[in-house]
Every structure is written in structure tokens, then in C-alpha cells.
Amino acid sequence: MKHTLFITVLFTGLISWGATETSATSAKSYNFQYKLPQSKTLTITQAAPNQEEAYKLAARECFKKLTQNQYPGEQQGLEIIDICANPKM
């Protein structure tokens, strides 16, 4: 009896875990708009399982685009970080 109950609970847990893993891996598309100097905007669309992951990926992409993979200097780098960390959603 104890073994049957244990196997039933274990099997139910595995089924529910598999269902949450399937739903967690489906990606959704998120749009982020960044306000640049001279009234320009940069729009980045990022697919991710949740908004937090999409935000992180979009911020990295924003930084890469604005720096063009070159060291911008400390002051300009801080300004770019400020832009990329604060999207207008």
C-alpha cells in the first residue's frame, strides 16, 4: 500500500513537472523602445520565455548596437548603459 501511494505521488509529480517545463520553454515576443539623443528611437524585438529574460537580452543587444562593439569611453558608456537599462515599453 505504501509503495503504491509513493509511486502514485511520484508519477503525478513527474507529470505536473513535465507540463510546467513544456509551458515554460515556449517563447513570446517582446518589444522594447529606447529613447536616443536627438529624439531618435531604437526598437528591439526579443523572443524569450518571460519578460525579464527578454529585457536582459534586449539590453545587451541595445548596448552592442550603440557601441558597435567598440569601447565608448567611461562617460559615454555610462550614458549608453542608462539608455539601455530604461526602455520605454
PDB file of N, CA and C in Angstrom:
ATOM      1  N   MET A   1       0.820  -1.193   0.000  1.00  0.00           N
ATOM      2  CA  MET A   1       0.000   0.000   0.000  1.00  0.00           C
ATOM      3  C   MET A   1       0.867   1.261   0.000  1.00  0.00           C
ATOM      4  N   LYS A   2       1.899   1.272   0.854  1.00  0.00           N
ATOM      5  CA  LYS A   2       2.770   2.438   0.916  1.00  0.00           C
ATOM      6  C   LYS A   2       3.508   2.635  -0.399  1.00  0.00           C
ATOM      7  N   HIS A   3       3.939   1.529  -1.008  1.00  0.00           N
ATOM      8  CA  HIS A   3       4.664   1.632  -2.273  1.00  0.00           C
ATOM      9  C   HIS A   3       3.760   2.159  -3.385  1.00  0.00           C
ATOM     10  N   THR A   4       2.523   1.721  -3.394  1.00  0.00           N
ATOM     11  CA  THR A   4       1.578   2.176  -4.408  1.00  0.00           C
ATOM     12  C   THR A   4       1.311   3.661  -4.258  1.00  0.00           C
ATOM     13  N   LEU A   5       1.128   4.116  -3.040  1.00  0.00           N
ATOM     14  CA  LEU A   5       0.906   5.536  -2.781  1.00  0.00           C
ATOM     15  C   LEU A   5       2.135   6.351  -3.173  1.00  0.00           C
ATOM     16  N   PHE A   6       3.316   5.879  -2.820  1.00  0.00           N
ATOM     17  CA  PHE A   6       4.557   6.577  -3.172  1.00  0.00           C
ATOM     18  C   PHE A   6       4.720   6.673  -4.694  1.00  0.00           C
ATOM     19  N   ILE A   7       4.479   5.592  -5.398  1.00  0.00           N
ATOM     20  CA  ILE A   7       4.606   5.586  -6.866  1.00  0.00           C
ATOM     21  C   ILE A   7       3.579   6.515  -7.487  1.00  0.00           C
ATOM     22  N   THR A   8       2.370   6.539  -6.958  1.00  0.00           N
ATOM     23  CA  THR A   8       1.321   7.420  -7.483  1.00  0.00           C
ATOM     24  C   THR A   8       1.701   8.884  -7.298  1.00  0.00           C
ATOM     25  N   VAL A   9       2.186   9.233  -6.123  1.00  0.00           N
ATOM     26  CA  VAL A   9       2.587  10.617  -5.847  1.00  0.00           C
ATOM     27  C   VAL A   9       3.777  10.994  -6.732  1.00  0.00           C
ATOM     28  N   LEU A  10       4.742  10.115  -6.850  1.00  0.00           N
ATOM     29  CA  LEU A  10       5.912  10.369  -7.677  1.00  0.00           C
ATOM     30  C   LEU A  10       5.520  10.549  -9.142  1.00  0.00           C
ATOM     31  N   PHE A  11       4.675   9.688  -9.645  1.00  0.00           N
ATOM     32  CA  PHE A  11       4.232   9.762 -11.040  1.00  0.00           C
ATOM     33  C   PHE A  11       3.452  11.044 -11.292  1.00  0.00           C
ATOM     34  N   THR A  12       2.582  11.431 -10.374  1.00  0.00           N
ATOM     35  CA  THR A  12       1.805  12.670 -10.511  1.00  0.00           C
ATOM     36  C   THR A  12       2.732  13.879 -10.508  1.00  0.00           C
ATOM     37  N   GLY A  13       3.732  13.861  -9.664  1.00  0.00           N
ATOM     38  CA  GLY A  13       4.693  14.954  -9.617  1.00  0.00           C
ATOM     39  C   GLY A  13       5.477  15.072 -10.913  1.00  0.00           C
ATOM     40  N   LEU A  14       5.870  13.952 -11.476  1.00  0.00           N
ATOM     41  CA  LEU A  14       6.609  13.974 -12.737  1.00  0.00           C
ATOM     42  C   LEU A  14       5.747  14.497 -13.882  1.00  0.00           C
ATOM     43  N   ILE A  15       4.481  14.118 -13.901  1.00  0.00           N
ATOM     44  CA  ILE A  15       3.587  14.598 -14.952  1.00  0.00           C
ATOM     45  C   ILE A  15       3.404  16.107 -14.835  1.00  0.00           C
ATOM     46  N   SER A  16       3.166  16.619 -13.629  1.00  0.00           N
ATOM     47  CA  SER A  16       2.968  18.061 -13.465  1.00  0.00           C
ATOM     48  C   SER A  16       4.258  18.824 -13.731  1.00  0.00           C
ATOM     49  N   TRP A  17       5.418  18.268 -13.382  1.00  0.00           N
ATOM     50  CA  TRP A  17       6.698  18.913 -13.675  1.00  0.00           C
ATOM     51  C   TRP A  17       6.918  18.999 -15.175  1.00  0.00           C
ATOM     52  N   GLY A  18       6.599  17.934 -15.901  1.00  0.00           N
ATOM     53  CA  GLY A  18       6.744  17.941 -17.353  1.00  0.00           C
ATOM     54  C   GLY A  18       5.825  18.957 -18.005  1.00  0.00           C
ATOM     55  N   ALA A  19       4.646  19.146 -17.469  1.00  0.00           N
ATOM     56  CA  ALA A  19       3.710  20.129 -18.029  1.00  0.00           C
ATOM     57  C   ALA A  19       4.223  21.546 -17.818  1.00  0.00           C
ATOM     58  N   THR A  20       4.813  21.824 -16.669  1.00  0.00           N
ATOM     59  CA  THR A  20       5.336  23.171 -16.441  1.00  0.00           C
ATOM     60  C   THR A  20       6.589  23.414 -17.263  1.00  0.00           C
ATOM     61  N   GLU A  21       7.403  22.405 -17.485  1.00  0.00           N
ATOM     62  CA  GLU A  21       8.596  22.571 -18.309  1.00  0.00           C
ATOM     63  C   GLU A  21       8.213  22.875 -19.753  1.00  0.00           C
ATOM     64  N   THR A  22       7.183  22.247 -20.265  1.00  0.00           N
ATOM     65  CA  THR A  22       6.749  22.489 -21.631  1.00  0.00           C
ATOM     66  C   THR A  22       6.232  23.906 -21.798  1.00  0.00           C
ATOM     67  N   SER A  23       5.435  24.391 -20.852  1.00  0.00           N
ATOM     68  CA  SER A  23       4.883  25.732 -20.971  1.00  0.00           C
ATOM     69  C   SER A  23       5.936  26.800 -20.721  1.00  0.00           C
ATOM     70  N   ALA A  24       6.951  26.495 -19.912  1.00  0.00           N
ATOM     71  CA  ALA A  24       7.975  27.491 -19.599  1.00  0.00           C
ATOM     72  C   ALA A  24       8.936  27.715 -20.757  1.00  0.00           C
ATOM     73  N   THR A  25       9.052  26.737 -21.651  1.00  0.00           N
ATOM     74  CA  THR A  25      10.003  26.881 -22.741  1.00  0.00           C
ATOM     75  C   THR A  25       9.412  27.573 -23.958  1.00  0.00           C
ATOM     76  N   SER A  26       8.121  27.816 -23.977  1.00  0.00           N
ATOM     77  CA  SER A  26       7.547  28.497 -25.132  1.00  0.00           C
ATOM     78  C   SER A  26       7.896  29.982 -25.068  1.00  0.00           C
ATOM     79  N   ALA A  27       8.475  30.481 -26.148  1.00  0.00           N
ATOM     80  CA  ALA A  27       8.951  31.865 -26.179  1.00  0.00           C
ATOM     81  C   ALA A  27       7.854  32.801 -26.665  1.00  0.00           C
ATOM     82  N   LYS A  28       7.854  33.984 -26.115  1.00  0.00           N
ATOM     83  CA  LYS A  28       6.935  35.037 -26.503  1.00  0.00           C
ATOM     84  C   LYS A  28       7.762  36.214 -26.993  1.00  0.00           C
ATOM     85  N   SER A  29       7.222  36.998 -27.876  1.00  0.00           N
ATOM     86  CA  SER A  29       7.943  38.132 -28.440  1.00  0.00           C
ATOM     87  C   SER A  29       7.635  39.404 -27.641  1.00  0.00           C
ATOM     88  N   TYR A  30       8.691  40.130 -27.276  1.00  0.00           N
ATOM     89  CA  TYR A  30       8.556  41.376 -26.521  1.00  0.00           C
ATOM     90  C   TYR A  30       9.235  42.498 -27.295  1.00  0.00           C
ATOM     91  N   ASN A  31       8.618  43.672 -27.287  1.00  0.00           N
ATOM     92  CA  ASN A  31       9.169  44.852 -27.957  1.00  0.00           C
ATOM     93  C   ASN A  31       9.669  45.843 -26.919  1.00  0.00           C
ATOM     94  N   PHE A  32      10.862  46.392 -27.161  1.00  0.00           N
ATOM     95  CA  PHE A  32      11.447  47.395 -26.285  1.00  0.00           C
ATOM     96  C   PHE A  32      11.847  48.589 -27.137  1.00  0.00           C
ATOM     97  N   GLN A  33      11.466  49.776 -26.691  1.00  0.00           N
ATOM     98  CA  GLN A  33      11.853  51.004 -27.377  1.00  0.00           C
ATOM     99  C   GLN A  33      12.774  51.798 -26.470  1.00  0.00           C
ATOM    100  N   TYR A  34      13.889  52.247 -27.049  1.00  0.00           N
ATOM    101  CA  TYR A  34      14.873  53.016 -26.307  1.00  0.00           C
ATOM    102  C   TYR A  34      14.915  54.416 -26.890  1.00  0.00           C
ATOM    103  N   LYS A  35      14.855  55.417 -26.029  1.00  0.00           N
ATOM    104  CA  LYS A  35      14.899  56.808 -26.462  1.00  0.00           C
ATOM    105  C   LYS A  35      16.355  57.248 -26.546  1.00  0.00           C
ATOM    106  N   LEU A  36      16.773  57.624 -27.745  1.00  0.00           N
ATOM    107  CA  LEU A  36      18.137  58.055 -28.003  1.00  0.00           C
ATOM    108  C   LEU A  36      18.205  59.575 -28.071  1.00  0.00           C
ATOM    109  N   PRO A  37      19.404  60.136 -28.002  1.00  0.00           N
ATOM    110  CA  PRO A  37      19.543  61.591 -28.158  1.00  0.00           C
ATOM    111  C   PRO A  37      19.020  62.061 -29.516  1.00  0.00           C
ATOM    112  N   GLN A  38      18.705  63.320 -29.636  1.00  0.00           N
ATOM    113  CA  GLN A  38      18.157  63.962 -30.837  1.00  0.00           C
ATOM    114  C   GLN A  38      16.806  63.366 -31.235  1.00  0.00           C
ATOM    115  N   SER A  39      15.998  62.982 -30.251  1.00  0.00           N
ATOM    116  CA  SER A  39      14.628  62.495 -30.455  1.00  0.00           C
ATOM    117  C   SER A  39      14.545  61.268 -31.353  1.00  0.00           C
ATOM    118  N   LYS A  40      15.578  60.453 -31.374  1.00  0.00           N
ATOM    119  CA  LYS A  40      15.558  59.202 -32.129  1.00  0.00           C
ATOM    120  C   LYS A  40      15.157  58.071 -31.192  1.00  0.00           C
ATOM    121  N   THR A  41      14.665  56.991 -31.791  1.00  0.00           N
ATOM    122  CA  THR A  41      14.323  55.810 -31.004  1.00  0.00           C
ATOM    123  C   THR A  41      14.943  54.567 -31.627  1.00  0.00           C
ATOM    124  N   LEU A  42      15.222  53.601 -30.795  1.00  0.00           N
ATOM    125  CA  LEU A  42      15.716  52.295 -31.218  1.00  0.00           C
ATOM    126  C   LEU A  42      14.714  51.270 -30.724  1.00  0.00           C
ATOM    127  N   THR A  43      14.211  50.441 -31.624  1.00  0.00           N
ATOM    128  CA  THR A  43      13.249  49.408 -31.255  1.00  0.00           C
ATOM    129  C   THR A  43      13.914  48.047 -31.403  1.00  0.00           C
ATOM    130  N   ILE A  44      13.817  47.250 -30.356  1.00  0.00           N
ATOM    131  CA  ILE A  44      14.372  45.895 -30.371  1.00  0.00           C
ATOM    132  C   ILE A  44      13.254  44.932 -30.001  1.00  0.00           C
ATOM    133  N   THR A  45      13.066  43.914 -30.832  1.00  0.00           N
ATOM    134  CA  THR A  45      12.099  42.860 -30.559  1.00  0.00           C
ATOM    135  C   THR A  45      12.881  41.634 -30.132  1.00  0.00           C
ATOM    136  N   GLN A  46      12.508  41.079 -28.991  1.00  0.00           N
ATOM    137  CA  GLN A  46      13.245  39.956 -28.430  1.00  0.00           C
ATOM    138  C   GLN A  46      12.286  38.838 -28.051  1.00  0.00           C
ATOM    139  N   ALA A  47      12.594  37.614 -28.442  1.00  0.00           N
ATOM    140  CA  ALA A  47      11.793  36.452 -28.064  1.00  0.00           C
ATOM    141  C   ALA A  47      12.448  35.773 -26.859  1.00  0.00           C
ATOM    142  N   ALA A  48      11.646  35.484 -25.857  1.00  0.00           N
ATOM    143  CA  ALA A  48      12.142  34.839 -24.638  1.00  0.00           C
ATOM    144  C   ALA A  48      10.969  34.212 -23.887  1.00  0.00           C
ATOM    145  N   PRO A  49      11.262  33.311 -22.951  1.00  0.00           N
ATOM    146  CA  PRO A  49      10.192  32.677 -22.177  1.00  0.00           C
ATOM    147  C   PRO A  49       9.428  33.634 -21.272  1.00  0.00           C
ATOM    148  N   ASN A  50      10.097  34.721 -20.816  1.00  0.00           N
ATOM    149  CA  ASN A  50       9.414  35.682 -19.956  1.00  0.00           C
ATOM    150  C   ASN A  50       9.976  37.079 -20.207  1.00  0.00           C
ATOM    151  N   GLN A  51       9.319  38.072 -19.649  1.00  0.00           N
ATOM    152  CA  GLN A  51       9.690  39.461 -19.902  1.00  0.00           C
ATOM    153  C   GLN A  51      11.061  39.806 -19.312  1.00  0.00           C
ATOM    154  N   GLU A  52      11.394  39.243 -18.180  1.00  0.00           N
ATOM    155  CA  GLU A  52      12.680  39.539 -17.555  1.00  0.00           C
ATOM    156  C   GLU A  52      13.850  39.073 -18.423  1.00  0.00           C
ATOM    157  N   GLU A  53      13.747  37.869 -18.970  1.00  0.00           N
ATOM    158  CA  GLU A  53      14.799  37.363 -19.851  1.00  0.00           C
ATOM    159  C   GLU A  53      14.876  38.188 -21.136  1.00  0.00           C
ATOM    160  N   ALA A  54      13.721  38.551 -21.675  1.00  0.00           N
ATOM    161  CA  ALA A  54      13.692  39.376 -22.886  1.00  0.00           C
ATOM    162  C   ALA A  54      14.325  40.738 -22.615  1.00  0.00           C
ATOM    163  N   TYR A  55      14.067  41.306 -21.452  1.00  0.00           N
ATOM    164  CA  TYR A  55      14.646  42.597 -21.064  1.00  0.00           C
ATOM    165  C   TYR A  55      16.173  42.520 -21.024  1.00  0.00           C
ATOM    166  N   LYS A  56      16.704  41.464 -20.413  1.00  0.00           N
ATOM    167  CA  LYS A  56      18.160  41.304 -20.315  1.00  0.00           C
ATOM    168  C   LYS A  56      18.793  41.165 -21.694  1.00  0.00           C
ATOM    169  N   LEU A  57      18.181  40.323 -22.537  1.00  0.00           N
ATOM    170  CA  LEU A  57      18.723  40.113 -23.881  1.00  0.00           C
ATOM    171  C   LEU A  57      18.635  41.386 -24.723  1.00  0.00           C
ATOM    172  N   ALA A  58      17.530  42.102 -24.604  1.00  0.00           N
ATOM    173  CA  ALA A  58      17.358  43.342 -25.367  1.00  0.00           C
ATOM    174  C   ALA A  58      18.335  44.415 -24.893  1.00  0.00           C
ATOM    175  N   ALA A  59      18.602  44.487 -23.605  1.00  0.00           N
ATOM    176  CA  ALA A  59      19.552  45.472 -23.087  1.00  0.00           C
ATOM    177  C   ALA A  59      20.957  45.198 -23.613  1.00  0.00           C
ATOM    178  N   ARG A  60      21.337  43.929 -23.663  1.00  0.00           N
ATOM    179  CA  ARG A  60      22.656  43.579 -24.215  1.00  0.00           C
ATOM    180  C   ARG A  60      22.738  43.942 -25.696  1.00  0.00           C
ATOM    181  N   GLU A  61      21.674  43.630 -26.444  1.00  0.00           N
ATOM    182  CA  GLU A  61      21.652  43.955 -27.867  1.00  0.00           C
ATOM    183  C   GLU A  61      21.691  45.467 -28.085  1.00  0.00           C
ATOM    184  N   CYS A  62      20.961  46.213 -27.273  1.00  0.00           N
ATOM    185  CA  CYS A  62      20.965  47.671 -27.343  1.00  0.00           C
ATOM    186  C   CYS A  62      22.378  48.199 -27.137  1.00  0.00           C
ATOM    187  N   PHE A  63      23.069  47.707 -26.124  1.00  0.00           N
ATOM    188  CA  PHE A  63      24.420  48.172 -25.834  1.00  0.00           C
ATOM    189  C   PHE A  63      25.365  47.862 -26.994  1.00  0.00           C
ATOM    190  N   LYS A  64      25.247  46.651 -27.553  1.00  0.00           N
ATOM    191  CA  LYS A  64      26.101  46.274 -28.677  1.00  0.00           C
ATOM    192  C   LYS A  64      25.862  47.167 -29.887  1.00  0.00           C
ATOM    193  N   LYS A  65      24.580  47.468 -30.168  1.00  0.00           N
ATOM    194  CA  LYS A  65      24.271  48.317 -31.317  1.00  0.00           C
ATOM    195  C   LYS A  65      24.774  49.739 -31.125  1.00  0.00           C
ATOM    196  N   LEU A  66      24.627  50.268 -29.930  1.00  0.00           N
ATOM    197  CA  LEU A  66      25.027  51.658 -29.696  1.00  0.00           C
ATOM    198  C   LEU A  66      26.537  51.830 -29.576  1.00  0.00           C
ATOM    199  N   THR A  67      27.232  50.798 -29.149  1.00  0.00           N
ATOM    200  CA  THR A  67      28.691  50.901 -29.044  1.00  0.00           C
ATOM    201  C   THR A  67      29.397  50.348 -30.276  1.00  0.00           C
ATOM    202  N   GLN A  68      28.669  49.610 -31.087  1.00  0.00           N
ATOM    203  CA  GLN A  68      29.235  48.953 -32.274  1.00  0.00           C
ATOM    204  C   GLN A  68      30.452  48.106 -31.904  1.00  0.00           C
ATOM    205  N   ASN A  69      30.347  47.434 -30.756  1.00  0.00           N
ATOM    206  CA  ASN A  69      31.389  46.550 -30.221  1.00  0.00           C
ATOM    207  C   ASN A  69      32.744  47.238 -30.053  1.00  0.00           C
ATOM    208  N   GLN A  70      32.729  48.523 -29.762  1.00  0.00           N
ATOM    209  CA  GLN A  70      33.946  49.284 -29.507  1.00  0.00           C
ATOM    210  C   GLN A  70      33.809  49.957 -28.143  1.00  0.00           C
ATOM    211  N   TYR A  71      34.928  50.137 -27.478  1.00  0.00           N
ATOM    212  CA  TYR A  71      34.908  50.805 -26.175  1.00  0.00           C
ATOM    213  C   TYR A  71      34.536  52.272 -26.360  1.00  0.00           C
ATOM    214  N   PRO A  72      33.415  52.717 -25.762  1.00  0.00           N
ATOM    215  CA  PRO A  72      32.949  54.088 -25.987  1.00  0.00           C
ATOM    216  C   PRO A  72      33.571  55.125 -25.041  1.00  0.00           C
ATOM    217  N   GLY A  73      34.347  54.713 -24.083  1.00  0.00           N
ATOM    218  CA  GLY A  73      34.837  55.634 -23.057  1.00  0.00           C
ATOM    219  C   GLY A  73      33.899  55.572 -21.859  1.00  0.00           C
ATOM    220  N   GLU A  74      34.402  56.010 -20.720  1.00  0.00           N
ATOM    221  CA  GLU A  74      33.631  55.860 -19.483  1.00  0.00           C
ATOM    222  C   GLU A  74      32.346  56.679 -19.480  1.00  0.00           C
ATOM    223  N   GLN A  75      32.418  57.962 -19.787  1.00  0.00           N
ATOM    224  CA  GLN A  75      31.240  58.821 -19.715  1.00  0.00           C
ATOM    225  C   GLN A  75      30.181  58.401 -20.732  1.00  0.00           C
ATOM    226  N   GLN A  76      30.575  58.200 -21.975  1.00  0.00           N
ATOM    227  CA  GLN A  76      29.611  57.801 -22.997  1.00  0.00           C
ATOM    228  C   GLN A  76      29.078  56.395 -22.705  1.00  0.00           C
ATOM    229  N   GLY A  77      29.932  55.520 -22.173  1.00  0.00           N
ATOM    230  CA  GLY A  77      29.490  54.178 -21.804  1.00  0.00           C
ATOM    231  C   GLY A  77      28.408  54.209 -20.737  1.00  0.00           C
ATOM    232  N   LEU A  78      28.571  55.087 -19.747  1.00  0.00           N
ATOM    233  CA  LEU A  78      27.546  55.221 -18.700  1.00  0.00           C
ATOM    234  C   LEU A  78      26.236  55.761 -19.267  1.00  0.00           C
ATOM    235  N   GLU A  79      26.323  56.683 -20.215  1.00  0.00           N
ATOM    236  CA  GLU A  79      25.112  57.207 -20.854  1.00  0.00           C
ATOM    237  C   GLU A  79      24.399  56.118 -21.654  1.00  0.00           C
ATOM    238  N   ILE A  80      25.168  55.289 -22.344  1.00  0.00           N
ATOM    239  CA  ILE A  80      24.577  54.192 -23.119  1.00  0.00           C
ATOM    240  C   ILE A  80      23.944  53.175 -22.184  1.00  0.00           C
ATOM    241  N   ILE A  81      24.599  52.871 -21.073  1.00  0.00           N
ATOM    242  CA  ILE A  81      24.021  51.944 -20.090  1.00  0.00           C
ATOM    243  C   ILE A  81      22.703  52.492 -19.562  1.00  0.00           C
ATOM    244  N   ASP A  82      22.650  53.800 -19.289  1.00  0.00           N
ATOM    245  CA  ASP A  82      21.422  54.424 -18.811  1.00  0.00           C
ATOM    246  C   ASP A  82      20.304  54.295 -19.842  1.00  0.00           C
ATOM    247  N   ILE A  83      20.623  54.467 -21.099  1.00  0.00           N
ATOM    248  CA  ILE A  83      19.620  54.348 -22.174  1.00  0.00           C
ATOM    249  C   ILE A  83      19.120  52.904 -22.246  1.00  0.00           C
ATOM    250  N   CYS A  84      20.041  51.963 -22.283  1.00  0.00           N
ATOM    251  CA  CYS A  84      19.687  50.544 -22.491  1.00  0.00           C
ATOM    252  C   CYS A  84      19.035  49.907 -21.264  1.00  0.00           C
ATOM    253  N   ALA A  85      19.234  50.468 -20.094  1.00  0.00           N
ATOM    254  CA  ALA A  85      18.626  49.924 -18.880  1.00  0.00           C
ATOM    255  C   ALA A  85      17.210  50.454 -18.649  1.00  0.00           C
ATOM    256  N   ASN A  86      16.793  51.446 -19.439  1.00  0.00           N
ATOM    257  CA  ASN A  86      15.480  52.068 -19.225  1.00  0.00           C
ATOM    258  C   ASN A  86      14.660  52.138 -20.515  1.00  0.00           C
ATOM    259  N   PRO A  87      14.183  50.984 -20.987  1.00  0.00           N
ATOM    260  CA  PRO A  87      13.377  51.018 -22.207  1.00  0.00           C
ATOM    261  C   PRO A  87      11.998  51.610 -21.940  1.00  0.00           C
ATOM    262  N   LYS A  88      11.407  52.144 -22.983  1.00  0.00           N
ATOM    263  CA  LYS A  88      10.018  52.622 -22.920  1.00  0.00           C
ATOM    264  C   LYS A  88       9.152  51.501 -23.474  1.00  0.00           C
ATOM    265  N   MET A  89       8.450  50.805 -22.598  1.00  0.00           N
ATOM    266  CA  MET A  89       7.682  49.636 -23.042  1.00  0.00           C
ATOM    267  C   MET A  89       6.225  49.990 -23.274  1.00  0.00           C
TER     268      MET A  89
END
